[in-house]
Structures are given as structure tokens and as C-alpha cells.
Protein backbone atom coordinates (compact mmCIF):
# COMPACT_ATOMS: atom_id res chain seq x y z
CA MET A 1 49.73 30.60 11.95
CA VAL A 2 46.88 29.24 8.87
CA THR A 3 49.13 25.91 9.09
CA GLY A 4 48.81 25.66 12.85
CA ASP A 5 45.05 26.03 13.66
CA ARG A 6 44.85 22.87 10.82
CA THR A 7 47.82 20.79 12.55
CA ARG A 8 45.25 21.56 15.95
CA ARG A 9 42.05 20.66 14.52
CA ARG A 10 42.93 17.11 13.52
CA PRO A 11 42.46 15.56 16.48
CA ARG A 12 39.25 16.68 17.29
CA ARG A 13 38.26 15.66 13.61
CA THR A 14 39.59 11.87 14.64
CA GLN A 15 38.26 11.90 18.16
CA SER A 16 35.10 12.84 16.74
CA ASN A 17 35.07 10.18 13.95
CA THR A 18 36.38 7.61 16.15
CA GLY A 19 33.25 8.19 18.13
CA ALA A 20 31.23 8.43 15.68
CA HIS A 21 32.56 4.57 14.81
CA ILE A 22 32.24 3.45 18.62
CA VAL A 23 28.37 4.33 18.41
CA LEU A 24 27.74 2.36 14.62
CA LEU A 25 29.56 -0.36 15.68
CA LEU A 26 27.60 -0.79 18.83
CA GLY A 27 24.54 -0.16 17.44
CA GLY A 28 25.26 -2.32 14.69
CA ILE A 29 25.76 -5.48 17.19
CA VAL A 30 22.82 -4.83 19.07
CA MET A 31 20.75 -5.06 15.88
CA VAL A 32 22.73 -8.21 14.34
CA SER A 33 22.31 -10.05 17.58
CA PRO A 34 18.79 -11.54 16.89
CA LEU A 35 21.06 -13.42 14.20
CA ILE A 36 23.55 -14.40 15.51
CA TYR A 37 21.68 -15.97 18.18
CA GLN A 38 19.39 -17.71 15.93
CA LEU A 39 22.10 -18.70 14.02
CA LEU A 40 23.65 -20.16 17.31
CA MET A 41 19.64 -22.00 18.12
CA SER A 42 19.96 -23.54 15.31
CA LEU A 43 22.99 -25.18 15.90
CA SER A 44 21.46 -26.60 19.35
CA THR A 45 20.06 -29.45 20.67
CA SER A 46 15.75 -28.67 21.74
CA GLN A 47 17.02 -29.46 25.58
CA GLN A 48 19.64 -26.62 26.07
CA VAL A 49 17.38 -24.05 23.28
CA GLU A 50 14.93 -24.55 26.26
CA SER A 51 17.04 -25.33 29.28
CA VAL A 52 17.08 -22.09 32.49
CA PRO A 53 18.68 -20.48 32.41
CA PRO A 54 19.21 -20.20 28.74
CA THR A 55 22.73 -22.12 26.52
CA PHE A 56 24.36 -19.63 24.10
CA TRP A 57 26.36 -21.62 23.23
CA PRO A 58 25.78 -24.53 21.59
CA GLY A 59 29.04 -27.08 22.09
CA THR A 60 28.60 -29.60 19.61
CA LEU A 61 27.25 -28.24 16.80
CA GLN A 62 24.29 -29.90 15.18
CA TRP A 63 24.69 -29.78 12.10
CA HIS A 64 21.83 -31.98 10.60
CA ASN A 65 18.84 -29.83 11.83
CA TYR A 66 19.86 -28.26 8.55
CA ALA A 67 18.95 -31.35 6.95
CA ASP A 68 15.74 -32.16 9.05
CA VAL A 69 14.53 -29.05 7.70
CA PHE A 70 13.58 -31.25 4.42
CA ALA A 71 12.59 -34.67 6.13
CA GLN A 72 10.52 -32.59 7.70
CA MET A 73 8.56 -29.83 5.31
CA PRO A 74 9.07 -29.57 0.54
CA PHE A 75 12.04 -26.57 1.51
CA GLY A 76 12.34 -26.78 -2.39
CA GLN A 77 8.79 -26.66 -3.42
CA GLU A 78 8.21 -23.52 -1.47
CA LEU A 79 11.05 -21.80 -2.48
CA TRP A 80 10.06 -22.27 -5.86
CA ILE A 81 7.04 -21.14 -5.06
CA THR A 82 8.03 -18.11 -2.98
CA ILE A 83 10.09 -16.94 -5.69
CA ALA A 84 7.43 -17.64 -8.62
CA ILE A 85 5.18 -15.11 -6.17
CA THR A 86 7.74 -13.26 -6.27
CA LEU A 87 8.55 -12.45 -9.64
CA VAL A 88 5.36 -12.22 -10.38
CA ARG A 89 4.65 -9.61 -7.36
CA LEU A 90 7.66 -7.74 -8.89
CA ILE A 91 7.34 -7.28 -12.30
CA GLY A 92 4.16 -5.52 -12.03
CA GLN A 93 4.98 -3.76 -9.62
CA LEU A 94 6.88 -1.65 -11.41
CA PHE A 95 5.40 -2.03 -14.73
CA LEU A 96 2.45 -1.11 -12.56
CA CYS A 97 2.91 1.42 -10.47
CA SER A 98 5.45 3.03 -12.58
CA ILE A 99 2.64 4.68 -14.92
CA ALA A 100 0.55 5.30 -12.65
CA GLY A 101 3.02 7.85 -10.28
CA TYR A 102 4.56 8.82 -14.52
CA ALA A 103 0.72 10.33 -15.03
CA PHE A 104 -0.31 11.21 -11.82
CA ALA A 105 3.14 13.28 -11.67
CA ARG A 106 3.38 14.41 -14.91
CA MET A 107 0.23 13.68 -17.57
CA ARG A 108 -3.36 16.45 -17.08
CA PHE A 109 -6.63 14.58 -16.61
CA THR A 110 -9.89 15.41 -14.75
CA ALA A 111 -10.16 14.81 -11.00
CA LYS A 112 -6.32 14.43 -10.76
CA GLY A 113 -6.29 15.65 -7.60
CA VAL A 114 -9.39 13.90 -5.93
CA ILE A 115 -8.03 10.29 -7.69
CA LEU A 116 -4.33 11.03 -6.48
CA ALA A 117 -6.10 10.87 -3.10
CA LEU A 118 -7.92 8.40 -2.92
CA VAL A 119 -5.37 6.08 -4.41
CA LEU A 120 -3.03 7.77 -1.48
CA SER A 121 -5.12 6.59 1.37
CA ILE A 122 -5.43 3.37 0.82
CA ILE A 123 -1.93 3.62 2.49
CA MET A 124 -4.50 4.60 5.30
CA VAL A 125 -6.44 1.53 5.50
CA PRO A 126 -5.56 -1.69 7.50
CA ALA A 127 -4.49 -4.24 4.40
CA GLN A 128 -7.36 -6.58 7.32
CA ILE A 129 -9.96 -5.02 5.54
CA TYR A 130 -9.79 -6.20 1.71
CA LEU A 131 -8.98 -9.88 3.39
CA ILE A 132 -12.80 -10.98 2.34
CA PRO A 133 -13.53 -8.97 -0.80
CA GLN A 134 -10.29 -10.38 -2.05
CA TYR A 135 -10.63 -13.45 -0.55
CA GLN A 136 -14.43 -13.94 -3.18
CA ILE A 137 -12.54 -12.68 -5.91
CA ILE A 138 -9.44 -14.98 -6.29
CA GLN A 139 -12.96 -17.88 -5.00
CA ASN A 140 -15.23 -16.46 -8.60
CA LEU A 141 -11.40 -16.50 -10.73
CA GLY A 142 -11.07 -20.50 -9.58
CA TRP A 143 -7.55 -19.18 -8.03
CA LEU A 144 -7.27 -20.94 -4.54
CA ASN A 145 -4.19 -22.41 -4.37
CA THR A 146 -2.69 -21.52 -7.09
CA VAL A 147 0.86 -19.03 -7.58
CA ALA A 148 -1.35 -16.37 -9.72
CA GLY A 149 -4.30 -16.80 -6.32
CA ILE A 150 -1.50 -15.44 -4.19
CA ALA A 151 0.48 -13.13 -6.11
CA ALA A 152 -3.17 -10.67 -7.79
CA PRO A 153 -3.40 -8.38 -5.01
CA GLY A 154 0.62 -7.77 -4.68
CA ILE A 155 0.66 -6.69 -8.12
CA PHE A 156 0.05 -2.64 -7.29
CA SER A 157 0.16 -1.04 -4.30
CA ALA A 158 -0.73 2.79 -3.58
CA PHE A 159 3.46 3.26 -1.83
CA GLY A 160 5.28 2.71 -5.29
CA THR A 161 2.72 4.58 -7.12
CA PHE A 162 3.83 8.18 -4.60
CA LEU A 163 7.29 6.14 -4.65
CA MET A 164 7.41 6.57 -8.23
CA ARG A 165 5.06 10.37 -8.88
CA GLN A 166 7.79 11.31 -6.50
CA PHE A 167 10.99 10.06 -8.73
CA PHE A 168 9.44 11.94 -11.90
CA LEU A 169 8.38 14.74 -10.00
CA GLY A 170 12.09 15.38 -9.73
CA LEU A 171 12.94 15.27 -12.52
CA PRO A 172 13.49 18.03 -15.67
CA GLN A 173 10.55 19.29 -17.39
CA GLU A 174 12.70 20.44 -20.49
CA LEU A 175 13.27 16.23 -21.45
CA GLU A 176 9.99 16.47 -21.61
CA ASP A 177 9.42 18.95 -23.73
CA ALA A 178 11.62 18.97 -25.94
CA ALA A 179 10.53 14.68 -26.54
CA ARG A 180 7.15 16.30 -28.03
CA ILE A 181 8.45 18.99 -30.03
CA ASP A 182 10.60 15.93 -31.81
CA GLY A 183 7.03 13.71 -31.85
CA ALA A 184 7.00 11.45 -29.66
CA SER A 185 4.04 9.98 -27.96
CA SER A 186 3.07 9.97 -23.93
CA PHE A 187 4.33 6.35 -24.33
CA ARG A 188 6.93 6.36 -25.76
CA ILE A 189 8.07 9.78 -23.54
CA PHE A 190 7.64 7.51 -20.32
CA TRP A 191 8.85 4.39 -21.55
CA ASN A 192 12.20 5.55 -23.61
CA ILE A 193 12.73 8.59 -21.44
CA MET A 194 11.38 8.85 -18.62
CA LEU A 195 11.32 5.06 -17.09
CA PRO A 196 14.89 4.88 -17.67
CA LEU A 197 15.91 8.00 -15.68
CA ALA A 198 13.93 6.89 -12.59
CA SER A 199 16.17 3.71 -12.73
CA ASN A 200 16.65 4.44 -8.20
CA GLY A 201 13.51 4.73 -8.32
CA LEU A 202 12.61 1.58 -9.23
CA TRP A 203 15.18 -0.45 -7.45
CA ALA A 204 14.51 0.72 -4.30
CA LEU A 205 9.70 -0.06 -5.31
CA GLY A 206 12.16 -3.44 -6.17
CA ILE A 207 14.62 -4.34 -3.10
CA ILE A 208 10.83 -3.43 -1.25
CA THR A 209 8.57 -5.24 -3.08
CA VAL A 210 10.21 -8.23 -3.35
CA LEU A 211 11.56 -7.92 1.29
CA TRP A 212 7.71 -8.04 0.97
CA SER A 213 6.72 -10.31 -0.96
CA TRP A 214 9.10 -12.99 0.71
CA ASN A 215 7.12 -12.23 4.43
CA ASP A 216 4.02 -12.39 2.72
CA LEU A 217 2.38 -14.52 5.56
CA MET A 218 -1.90 -13.56 6.09
CA TRP A 219 -2.85 -13.46 2.58
CA PRO A 220 -0.67 -17.06 1.66
CA LEU A 221 -2.09 -18.26 4.56
CA ILE A 222 -5.12 -17.89 3.66
CA VAL A 223 -5.49 -18.92 -0.07
CA THR A 224 -3.33 -22.04 0.46
CA ASP A 225 -4.82 -25.37 2.05
CA SER A 226 -2.47 -27.42 0.30
CA ALA A 227 1.63 -28.21 0.64
CA ASN A 228 1.89 -28.44 -2.63
CA THR A 229 0.95 -24.74 -3.52
CA ALA A 230 2.22 -23.34 -0.22
CA PRO A 231 5.05 -20.64 -0.01
CA LEU A 232 8.34 -20.24 2.41
CA SER A 233 5.77 -17.95 4.82
CA VAL A 234 3.07 -21.04 5.15
CA GLY A 235 5.74 -23.22 5.36
CA LEU A 236 7.21 -22.38 8.59
CA ALA A 237 3.97 -21.24 10.10
CA ASN A 238 3.02 -25.52 9.69
CA LEU A 239 6.30 -25.54 11.58
CA GLN A 240 5.00 -24.52 14.57
CA GLY A 241 3.08 -27.71 16.54
CA VAL A 242 0.01 -27.21 18.85
CA HIS A 243 1.80 -28.21 22.00
CA SER A 244 5.73 -28.82 21.46
CA ASN A 245 8.34 -27.17 18.70
CA ASN A 246 10.87 -27.96 17.30
CA TYR A 247 13.12 -24.58 17.51
CA PRO A 248 16.42 -25.87 16.46
CA VAL A 249 14.39 -27.37 12.70
CA LEU A 250 12.71 -23.91 12.79
CA MET A 251 15.59 -21.63 12.99
CA ALA A 252 17.69 -23.71 10.17
CA ALA A 253 14.62 -23.73 8.10
CA SER A 254 14.16 -19.69 8.83
CA LEU A 255 17.79 -18.73 8.16
CA MET A 256 18.04 -20.57 4.66
CA ALA A 257 14.49 -18.35 3.99
CA MET A 258 15.52 -15.64 5.49
CA LEU A 259 19.57 -16.71 3.62
CA PRO A 260 18.80 -16.11 -0.09
CA ILE A 261 17.10 -12.08 0.29
CA LEU A 262 19.50 -11.10 2.97
CA ILE A 263 22.39 -11.31 0.48
CA LEU A 264 20.09 -10.06 -2.67
CA PHE A 265 19.59 -7.04 0.20
CA ILE A 266 23.33 -6.91 1.14
CA VAL A 267 24.35 -7.15 -2.44
CA LEU A 268 21.46 -3.79 -3.58
CA GLN A 269 21.84 -2.08 -0.16
CA LYS A 270 23.34 0.99 -1.55
CA ARG A 271 21.37 0.69 -4.89
CA VAL A 272 17.97 0.89 -2.00
CA VAL A 273 19.34 3.60 0.00
CA ALA A 274 20.04 6.39 -2.79
CA GLY A 275 16.58 5.90 -4.64
CA ILE A 276 14.63 5.86 -1.56
CA GLY A 277 17.27 9.03 -0.50
CA ARG A 278 16.23 10.23 -3.80
CA SER A 279 12.91 10.23 -3.47
CA GLY A 280 12.03 12.23 -1.05
CA LEU A 281 10.92 9.79 1.73
CA LYS A 282 12.78 10.35 4.61
């Protein structure tokens, strides 16, 4: 009887899994369709892109649009500037946010709750409010039109601090107590014991920082007025004309700028999902 019941239940599970796969497949097609359409636009002519009704298949593929990107913007130079800005922000976020998160999670100090509330309140304030004071600070430091001036405001974040705090709160207290009994200092406990155990949080924070920094436009657009120090986001914005746009070249440049970060996210997506899931930020 038990064997018969199990045999009868299998088709129901199969039908349930098939339905879920169909729903996920349809959802995936909907989400990836803009990217596919962008790819088709990058291989079309301007007349095909602007035609009414729109032409979804370009016919003859215009591969020269990708070569035209290098003729209309210093793509290689802007790519390296973007990489440099992203690396500076990544290193700063991982180091500063992990230290701050550990302090708020494990250490005791005066007005800890008040300071944590002030830090978290930054998340609720629109970033545009900080633009003028940030610009004045960068200007006084002489960092306008430099990689340091673009990267400096992004080396620390309240979100990264809260993310790492959640990870450190989930680690066993016994590990820290055992290290203190052995005579380890607070920094050694953080660096050698707690930080390696929070690797998922570091991966999640790292990927989020890279994605945000790679797509950042407003701040670089404010502190740079030279193409020699502009990142890719500013270069793509400058491709848009006043009266008309060369959409195929713009789409080709966007895909080329997106490709490195897309590959990185695909390779590390499991770590990102695991990191955010284990932090309690659902």
C-alpha cells in the first residue's frame, strides 16, 4: 500500500515541477528580452531603429557599429578609469565597512546604539543632498578631474556597514571568547578569526559595490569635465546628441560597457545570493 501511494504521488510532483519550470522560463524570457532587443539594435541601422512600426530583426548585421564606438569615444581609456575607480571603492568598502560592522556587532562602547542609528539614517537620506558638500570637499582637496575625487565618496557606505554587522552578529560568540582567553587582541580576532568566517558577506558586499560603482553616473558627471578622466558612464552619456542620437552605436557601446560586469556577476552569482540570504536581508 505504501509503495502504491508513492507511485501515485509522483505524477503530481512532476506536474508541479513542470509548471514551476514553465513559469520560471517565461519570467526569464521577459527579463532577458530587453537585453536581446538591445543587441539587435546595436546590429541595426539608424533608419531601422527609428522606423515606425519598429523593425525587430535588422536583416544585414551592422558589425561596424562596434568599431564606430572607438571612433566616437575613448572607450579603452574610459574603461581603465572605470576599473580604477571601482577597485578603489571596492577595497575601501570591504575594509572600512567590515571594521565598522564588526565594531557595531561585537564591541561595546559609549553611545553605540545612537551612533548606529545615525549611520543607518544615512540610508534614508537621498544621495543628492550630499552633492554640494561633497563637491566642496573634493574641490578644496584639489581632486577635481581625478580618480581619487570620483572614488572618495564611495569608499564607505551605511548599507555595507549594516550588511557586515548582520554577518558578524550571526557568528558564534564562543570563537571570540576562546581567542580572548588565548590572549588575542581585538584586531587579531577580527582579522584572523571573524573576517574569514564572514567571507559570504564580503563577496556580497563586493559584488554590490562593483555593480553600483560601475553604473554610477551623477557624481562622476559633476566632478569631471574632461574626457581624459571620465569613466564609461559619463562617456556613454556624452554619446547622446542634442538633436539626434546614433542609437545603434549607443547600444553597442552600452553592451561593451556592460559585458565585463555581466560576466563577473554570472560567475559569482551563487556567492551573491548566498551572501545576501545568510545576512538576513531578504
